[in-house]
Amino acid sequence: WAGYVDSTPDGVPAIGEVEGIPGFVLAAGFSGHGFGIGPGAGHMIADIITGSEPIVDPRPYWPERFKTAAWGKVAEF
């Protein structure tokens, strides 16, 4: 077996519309758990896209959380 396991710095998937690219919804970084959490994530993504009330709070998954760095600290570049 060989493959690539995508992951985010904090280990939590990035799910949500990408700021600056209207209509582009990102769902990545499931770190190998996509099969298990895929149905719930898919439902939440569908809710986001259709404008329905999400089944869970999507804010912890927003891709924009990395603007302050992986652990919520201000990034120094």
PDB file of N, CA and C in Angstrom:
ATOM      1  N   TRP A   1       0.827  -1.153   0.000  1.00  0.00           N
ATOM      2  CA  TRP A   1       0.000   0.000   0.000  1.00  0.00           C
ATOM      3  C   TRP A   1       0.881   1.229   0.000  1.00  0.00           C
ATOM      4  N   ALA A   2       0.473   2.176  -0.772  1.00  0.00           N
ATOM      5  CA  ALA A   2       1.159   3.460  -0.790  1.00  0.00           C
ATOM      6  C   ALA A   2       0.137   4.526  -1.106  1.00  0.00           C
ATOM      7  N   GLY A   3       0.335   5.674  -0.575  1.00  0.00           N
ATOM      8  CA  GLY A   3      -0.592   6.759  -0.837  1.00  0.00           C
ATOM      9  C   GLY A   3      -0.197   7.992  -0.070  1.00  0.00           C
ATOM     10  N   TYR A   4      -0.930   9.026  -0.300  1.00  0.00           N
ATOM     11  CA  TYR A   4      -0.684  10.306   0.341  1.00  0.00           C
ATOM     12  C   TYR A   4      -1.820  10.587   1.310  1.00  0.00           C
ATOM     13  N   VAL A   5      -1.498  10.872   2.530  1.00  0.00           N
ATOM     14  CA  VAL A   5      -2.499  11.226   3.526  1.00  0.00           C
ATOM     15  C   VAL A   5      -2.398  12.730   3.737  1.00  0.00           C
ATOM     16  N   ASP A   6      -3.449  13.446   3.304  1.00  0.00           N
ATOM     17  CA  ASP A   6      -3.420  14.897   3.490  1.00  0.00           C
ATOM     18  C   ASP A   6      -3.820  15.244   4.909  1.00  0.00           C
ATOM     19  N   SER A   7      -3.201  16.254   5.434  1.00  0.00           N
ATOM     20  CA  SER A   7      -3.474  16.661   6.805  1.00  0.00           C
ATOM     21  C   SER A   7      -3.239  18.152   6.935  1.00  0.00           C
ATOM     22  N   THR A   8      -3.936  18.750   7.862  1.00  0.00           N
ATOM     23  CA  THR A   8      -3.720  20.157   8.172  1.00  0.00           C
ATOM     24  C   THR A   8      -2.763  20.236   9.365  1.00  0.00           C
ATOM     25  N   PRO A   9      -2.173  21.389   9.618  1.00  0.00           N
ATOM     26  CA  PRO A   9      -1.240  21.495  10.744  1.00  0.00           C
ATOM     27  C   PRO A   9      -1.854  21.146  12.098  1.00  0.00           C
ATOM     28  N   ASP A  10      -3.153  21.409  12.261  1.00  0.00           N
ATOM     29  CA  ASP A  10      -3.795  21.109  13.538  1.00  0.00           C
ATOM     30  C   ASP A  10      -4.556  19.786  13.536  1.00  0.00           C
ATOM     31  N   GLY A  11      -4.523  19.061  12.415  1.00  0.00           N
ATOM     32  CA  GLY A  11      -5.166  17.758  12.343  1.00  0.00           C
ATOM     33  C   GLY A  11      -6.670  17.795  12.162  1.00  0.00           C
ATOM     34  N   VAL A  12      -7.234  18.982  11.984  1.00  0.00           N
ATOM     35  CA  VAL A  12      -8.678  19.144  11.802  1.00  0.00           C
ATOM     36  C   VAL A  12      -8.924  19.521  10.345  1.00  0.00           C
ATOM     37  N   PRO A  13      -9.888  18.857   9.666  1.00  0.00           N
ATOM     38  CA  PRO A  13     -10.128  19.179   8.261  1.00  0.00           C
ATOM     39  C   PRO A  13     -10.443  20.660   8.043  1.00  0.00           C
ATOM     40  N   ALA A  14     -10.085  21.150   6.879  1.00  0.00           N
ATOM     41  CA  ALA A  14     -10.426  22.506   6.454  1.00  0.00           C
ATOM     42  C   ALA A  14     -11.656  22.386   5.562  1.00  0.00           C
ATOM     43  N   ILE A  15     -12.767  22.931   6.038  1.00  0.00           N
ATOM     44  CA  ILE A  15     -14.031  22.835   5.306  1.00  0.00           C
ATOM     45  C   ILE A  15     -14.691  24.199   5.310  1.00  0.00           C
ATOM     46  N   GLY A  16     -14.960  24.736   4.132  1.00  0.00           N
ATOM     47  CA  GLY A  16     -15.670  26.002   4.038  1.00  0.00           C
ATOM     48  C   GLY A  16     -15.289  26.764   2.790  1.00  0.00           C
ATOM     49  N   GLU A  17     -16.007  27.848   2.581  1.00  0.00           N
ATOM     50  CA  GLU A  17     -15.738  28.681   1.419  1.00  0.00           C
ATOM     51  C   GLU A  17     -14.414  29.413   1.625  1.00  0.00           C
ATOM     52  N   VAL A  18     -13.619  29.446   0.579  1.00  0.00           N
ATOM     53  CA  VAL A  18     -12.310  30.092   0.636  1.00  0.00           C
ATOM     54  C   VAL A  18     -12.486  31.585   0.374  1.00  0.00           C
ATOM     55  N   GLU A  19     -12.009  32.390   1.326  1.00  0.00           N
ATOM     56  CA  GLU A  19     -12.112  33.834   1.199  1.00  0.00           C
ATOM     57  C   GLU A  19     -11.374  34.290  -0.056  1.00  0.00           C
ATOM     58  N   GLY A  20     -12.000  35.149  -0.806  1.00  0.00           N
ATOM     59  CA  GLY A  20     -11.383  35.678  -2.020  1.00  0.00           C
ATOM     60  C   GLY A  20     -11.702  34.875  -3.267  1.00  0.00           C
ATOM     61  N   ILE A  21     -12.322  33.712  -3.108  1.00  0.00           N
ATOM     62  CA  ILE A  21     -12.730  32.898  -4.260  1.00  0.00           C
ATOM     63  C   ILE A  21     -14.209  32.527  -4.053  1.00  0.00           C
ATOM     64  N   PRO A  22     -15.116  33.443  -4.340  1.00  0.00           N
ATOM     65  CA  PRO A  22     -16.536  33.193  -4.106  1.00  0.00           C
ATOM     66  C   PRO A  22     -17.023  31.909  -4.782  1.00  0.00           C
ATOM     67  N   GLY A  23     -17.738  31.112  -4.031  1.00  0.00           N
ATOM     68  CA  GLY A  23     -18.297  29.875  -4.567  1.00  0.00           C
ATOM     69  C   GLY A  23     -17.375  28.674  -4.476  1.00  0.00           C
ATOM     70  N   PHE A  24     -16.108  28.888  -4.109  1.00  0.00           N
ATOM     71  CA  PHE A  24     -15.176  27.774  -3.991  1.00  0.00           C
ATOM     72  C   PHE A  24     -15.205  27.253  -2.562  1.00  0.00           C
ATOM     73  N   VAL A  25     -15.734  26.057  -2.390  1.00  0.00           N
ATOM     74  CA  VAL A  25     -15.804  25.440  -1.067  1.00  0.00           C
ATOM     75  C   VAL A  25     -14.740  24.348  -0.983  1.00  0.00           C
ATOM     76  N   LEU A  26     -13.855  24.496  -0.010  1.00  0.00           N
ATOM     77  CA  LEU A  26     -12.753  23.558   0.196  1.00  0.00           C
ATOM     78  C   LEU A  26     -13.157  22.507   1.219  1.00  0.00           C
ATOM     79  N   ALA A  27     -12.795  21.277   0.962  1.00  0.00           N
ATOM     80  CA  ALA A  27     -12.976  20.186   1.923  1.00  0.00           C
ATOM     81  C   ALA A  27     -11.734  19.298   1.791  1.00  0.00           C
ATOM     82  N   ALA A  28     -10.756  19.531   2.655  1.00  0.00           N
ATOM     83  CA  ALA A  28      -9.480  18.817   2.550  1.00  0.00           C
ATOM     84  C   ALA A  28      -8.868  18.657   3.935  1.00  0.00           C
ATOM     85  N   GLY A  29      -7.848  17.799   4.002  1.00  0.00           N
ATOM     86  CA  GLY A  29      -7.107  17.627   5.244  1.00  0.00           C
ATOM     87  C   GLY A  29      -7.763  16.672   6.216  1.00  0.00           C
ATOM     88  N   PHE A  30      -8.404  15.646   5.702  1.00  0.00           N
ATOM     89  CA  PHE A  30      -9.087  14.688   6.565  1.00  0.00           C
ATOM     90  C   PHE A  30      -8.118  13.684   7.197  1.00  0.00           C
ATOM     91  N   SER A  31      -6.861  13.749   6.850  1.00  0.00           N
ATOM     92  CA  SER A  31      -5.768  12.926   7.383  1.00  0.00           C
ATOM     93  C   SER A  31      -6.109  11.441   7.501  1.00  0.00           C
ATOM     94  N   GLY A  32      -6.682  10.900   6.462  1.00  0.00           N
ATOM     95  CA  GLY A  32      -6.986   9.473   6.433  1.00  0.00           C
ATOM     96  C   GLY A  32      -8.307   9.095   7.067  1.00  0.00           C
ATOM     97  N   HIS A  33      -9.016  10.052   7.634  1.00  0.00           N
ATOM     98  CA  HIS A  33     -10.287   9.749   8.292  1.00  0.00           C
ATOM     99  C   HIS A  33     -11.494  10.100   7.427  1.00  0.00           C
ATOM    100  N   GLY A  34     -11.265  10.448   6.180  1.00  0.00           N
ATOM    101  CA  GLY A  34     -12.352  10.845   5.293  1.00  0.00           C
ATOM    102  C   GLY A  34     -13.427   9.794   5.123  1.00  0.00           C
ATOM    103  N   PHE A  35     -13.025   8.537   5.113  1.00  0.00           N
ATOM    104  CA  PHE A  35     -14.013   7.467   4.951  1.00  0.00           C
ATOM    105  C   PHE A  35     -14.969   7.428   6.138  1.00  0.00           C
ATOM    106  N   GLY A  36     -14.447   7.621   7.323  1.00  0.00           N
ATOM    107  CA  GLY A  36     -15.278   7.554   8.522  1.00  0.00           C
ATOM    108  C   GLY A  36     -16.131   8.785   8.750  1.00  0.00           C
ATOM    109  N   ILE A  37     -15.557   9.965   8.513  1.00  0.00           N
ATOM    110  CA  ILE A  37     -16.312  11.184   8.775  1.00  0.00           C
ATOM    111  C   ILE A  37     -16.891  11.797   7.509  1.00  0.00           C
ATOM    112  N   GLY A  38     -16.677  11.123   6.375  1.00  0.00           N
ATOM    113  CA  GLY A  38     -17.167  11.618   5.092  1.00  0.00           C
ATOM    114  C   GLY A  38     -18.656  11.891   5.029  1.00  0.00           C
ATOM    115  N   PRO A  39     -19.512  10.980   5.529  1.00  0.00           N
ATOM    116  CA  PRO A  39     -20.948  11.242   5.437  1.00  0.00           C
ATOM    117  C   PRO A  39     -21.374  12.512   6.181  1.00  0.00           C
ATOM    118  N   GLY A  40     -20.883  12.715   7.383  1.00  0.00           N
ATOM    119  CA  GLY A  40     -21.229  13.930   8.131  1.00  0.00           C
ATOM    120  C   GLY A  40     -20.636  15.169   7.501  1.00  0.00           C
ATOM    121  N   ALA A  41     -19.379  15.063   7.051  1.00  0.00           N
ATOM    122  CA  ALA A  41     -18.734  16.197   6.395  1.00  0.00           C
ATOM    123  C   ALA A  41     -19.453  16.536   5.096  1.00  0.00           C
ATOM    124  N   GLY A  42     -19.840  15.520   4.343  1.00  0.00           N
ATOM    125  CA  GLY A  42     -20.580  15.752   3.101  1.00  0.00           C
ATOM    126  C   GLY A  42     -21.901  16.449   3.342  1.00  0.00           C
ATOM    127  N   HIS A  43     -22.584  16.068   4.411  1.00  0.00           N
ATOM    128  CA  HIS A  43     -23.858  16.706   4.761  1.00  0.00           C
ATOM    129  C   HIS A  43     -23.629  18.166   5.121  1.00  0.00           C
ATOM    130  N   MET A  44     -22.589  18.427   5.922  1.00  0.00           N
ATOM    131  CA  MET A  44     -22.291  19.802   6.305  1.00  0.00           C
ATOM    132  C   MET A  44     -21.894  20.637   5.084  1.00  0.00           C
ATOM    133  N   ILE A  45     -21.109  20.067   4.186  1.00  0.00           N
ATOM    134  CA  ILE A  45     -20.697  20.781   2.975  1.00  0.00           C
ATOM    135  C   ILE A  45     -21.913  21.101   2.118  1.00  0.00           C
ATOM    136  N   ALA A  46     -22.814  20.139   1.976  1.00  0.00           N
ATOM    137  CA  ALA A  46     -24.046  20.380   1.207  1.00  0.00           C
ATOM    138  C   ALA A  46     -24.857  21.500   1.851  1.00  0.00           C
ATOM    139  N   ASP A  47     -24.927  21.520   3.179  1.00  0.00           N
ATOM    140  CA  ASP A  47     -25.642  22.587   3.880  1.00  0.00           C
ATOM    141  C   ASP A  47     -24.998  23.942   3.608  1.00  0.00           C
ATOM    142  N   ILE A  48     -23.674  23.991   3.648  1.00  0.00           N
ATOM    143  CA  ILE A  48     -22.958  25.241   3.388  1.00  0.00           C
ATOM    144  C   ILE A  48     -23.245  25.726   1.977  1.00  0.00           C
ATOM    145  N   ILE A  49     -23.170  24.829   1.008  1.00  0.00           N
ATOM    146  CA  ILE A  49     -23.356  25.200  -0.395  1.00  0.00           C
ATOM    147  C   ILE A  49     -24.782  25.671  -0.671  1.00  0.00           C
ATOM    148  N   THR A  50     -25.759  24.995  -0.073  1.00  0.00           N
ATOM    149  CA  THR A  50     -27.163  25.334  -0.337  1.00  0.00           C
ATOM    150  C   THR A  50     -27.685  26.459   0.547  1.00  0.00           C
ATOM    151  N   GLY A  51     -26.902  26.861   1.547  1.00  0.00           N
ATOM    152  CA  GLY A  51     -27.349  27.920   2.441  1.00  0.00           C
ATOM    153  C   GLY A  51     -28.266  27.430   3.550  1.00  0.00           C
ATOM    154  N   SER A  52     -28.354  26.121   3.726  1.00  0.00           N
ATOM    155  CA  SER A  52     -29.173  25.553   4.794  1.00  0.00           C
ATOM    156  C   SER A  52     -28.454  25.687   6.134  1.00  0.00           C
ATOM    157  N   GLU A  53     -29.194  25.506   7.219  1.00  0.00           N
ATOM    158  CA  GLU A  53     -28.589  25.513   8.552  1.00  0.00           C
ATOM    159  C   GLU A  53     -27.699  24.275   8.667  1.00  0.00           C
ATOM    160  N   PRO A  54     -26.387  24.442   8.892  1.00  0.00           N
ATOM    161  CA  PRO A  54     -25.493  23.284   8.986  1.00  0.00           C
ATOM    162  C   PRO A  54     -25.851  22.372  10.162  1.00  0.00           C
ATOM    163  N   ILE A  55     -25.619  21.076   9.972  1.00  0.00           N
ATOM    164  CA  ILE A  55     -25.937  20.109  11.023  1.00  0.00           C
ATOM    165  C   ILE A  55     -25.016  20.266  12.233  1.00  0.00           C
ATOM    166  N   VAL A  56     -23.835  20.812  12.019  1.00  0.00           N
ATOM    167  CA  VAL A  56     -22.913  21.134  13.113  1.00  0.00           C
ATOM    168  C   VAL A  56     -22.344  22.521  12.843  1.00  0.00           C
ATOM    169  N   ASP A  57     -21.771  23.127  13.852  1.00  0.00           N
ATOM    170  CA  ASP A  57     -21.158  24.441  13.712  1.00  0.00           C
ATOM    171  C   ASP A  57     -19.935  24.323  12.809  1.00  0.00           C
ATOM    172  N   PRO A  58     -19.932  24.971  11.642  1.00  0.00           N
ATOM    173  CA  PRO A  58     -18.806  24.831  10.725  1.00  0.00           C
ATOM    174  C   PRO A  58     -17.595  25.705  11.070  1.00  0.00           C
ATOM    175  N   ARG A  59     -17.737  26.619  12.026  1.00  0.00           N
ATOM    176  CA  ARG A  59     -16.646  27.555  12.308  1.00  0.00           C
ATOM    177  C   ARG A  59     -15.328  26.904  12.708  1.00  0.00           C
ATOM    178  N   PRO A  60     -15.308  25.815  13.471  1.00  0.00           N
ATOM    179  CA  PRO A  60     -14.005  25.209  13.793  1.00  0.00           C
ATOM    180  C   PRO A  60     -13.278  24.643  12.572  1.00  0.00           C
ATOM    181  N   TYR A  61     -13.970  24.497  11.459  1.00  0.00           N
ATOM    182  CA  TYR A  61     -13.387  23.903  10.263  1.00  0.00           C
ATOM    183  C   TYR A  61     -13.002  24.939   9.205  1.00  0.00           C
ATOM    184  N   TRP A  62     -13.327  26.203   9.411  1.00  0.00           N
ATOM    185  CA  TRP A  62     -13.064  27.231   8.415  1.00  0.00           C
ATOM    186  C   TRP A  62     -11.602  27.253   8.013  1.00  0.00           C
ATOM    187  N   PRO A  63     -11.331  27.224   6.705  1.00  0.00           N
ATOM    188  CA  PRO A  63      -9.940  27.285   6.240  1.00  0.00           C
ATOM    189  C   PRO A  63      -9.223  28.568   6.670  1.00  0.00           C
ATOM    190  N   GLU A  64      -9.957  29.631   6.896  1.00  0.00           N
ATOM    191  CA  GLU A  64      -9.353  30.917   7.252  1.00  0.00           C
ATOM    192  C   GLU A  64      -8.693  30.895   8.628  1.00  0.00           C
ATOM    193  N   ARG A  65      -8.921  29.835   9.402  1.00  0.00           N
ATOM    194  CA  ARG A  65      -8.299  29.766  10.734  1.00  0.00           C
ATOM    195  C   ARG A  65      -6.778  29.728  10.646  1.00  0.00           C
ATOM    196  N   PHE A  66      -6.243  29.355   9.506  1.00  0.00           N
ATOM    197  CA  PHE A  66      -4.788  29.271   9.356  1.00  0.00           C
ATOM    198  C   PHE A  66      -4.138  30.619   9.068  1.00  0.00           C
ATOM    199  N   LYS A  67      -4.944  31.655   8.925  1.00  0.00           N
ATOM    200  CA  LYS A  67      -4.370  32.990   8.741  1.00  0.00           C
ATOM    201  C   LYS A  67      -3.593  33.424   9.979  1.00  0.00           C
ATOM    202  N   THR A  68      -3.945  32.881  11.122  1.00  0.00           N
ATOM    203  CA  THR A  68      -3.251  33.225  12.363  1.00  0.00           C
ATOM    204  C   THR A  68      -2.259  32.144  12.765  1.00  0.00           C
ATOM    205  N   ALA A  69      -2.059  31.138  11.926  1.00  0.00           N
ATOM    206  CA  ALA A  69      -1.142  30.019  12.130  1.00  0.00           C
ATOM    207  C   ALA A  69      -1.904  28.795  12.613  1.00  0.00           C
ATOM    208  N   ALA A  70      -1.241  27.691  12.648  1.00  0.00           N
ATOM    209  CA  ALA A  70      -1.874  26.412  12.946  1.00  0.00           C
ATOM    210  C   ALA A  70      -2.482  26.345  14.329  1.00  0.00           C
ATOM    211  N   TRP A  71      -1.899  27.004  15.298  1.00  0.00           N
ATOM    212  CA  TRP A  71      -2.367  26.875  16.677  1.00  0.00           C
ATOM    213  C   TRP A  71      -2.999  28.149  17.198  1.00  0.00           C
ATOM    214  N   GLY A  72      -3.475  29.029  16.284  1.00  0.00           N
ATOM    215  CA  GLY A  72      -4.172  30.211  16.699  1.00  0.00           C
ATOM    216  C   GLY A  72      -3.289  31.387  17.084  1.00  0.00           C
ATOM    217  N   LYS A  73      -1.994  31.274  16.851  1.00  0.00           N
ATOM    218  CA  LYS A  73      -1.073  32.374  17.141  1.00  0.00           C
ATOM    219  C   LYS A  73      -0.839  33.147  15.857  1.00  0.00           C
ATOM    220  N   VAL A  74      -0.490  34.392  15.983  1.00  0.00           N
ATOM    221  CA  VAL A  74      -0.243  35.212  14.815  1.00  0.00           C
ATOM    222  C   VAL A  74       0.976  34.684  14.079  1.00  0.00           C
ATOM    223  N   ALA A  75       0.810  34.452  12.781  1.00  0.00           N
ATOM    224  CA  ALA A  75       1.907  33.935  11.971  1.00  0.00           C
ATOM    225  C   ALA A  75       2.944  35.035  11.738  1.00  0.00           C
ATOM    226  N   GLU A  76       4.189  34.680  11.839  1.00  0.00           N
ATOM    227  CA  GLU A  76       5.282  35.615  11.570  1.00  0.00           C
ATOM    228  C   GLU A  76       5.988  35.167  10.312  1.00  0.00           C
ATOM    229  N   PHE A  77       5.885  35.988   9.283  1.00  0.00           N
ATOM    230  CA  PHE A  77       6.513  35.667   8.007  1.00  0.00           C
ATOM    231  C   PHE A  77       7.571  36.663   7.670  1.00  0.00           C
TER     232      PHE A  77
END
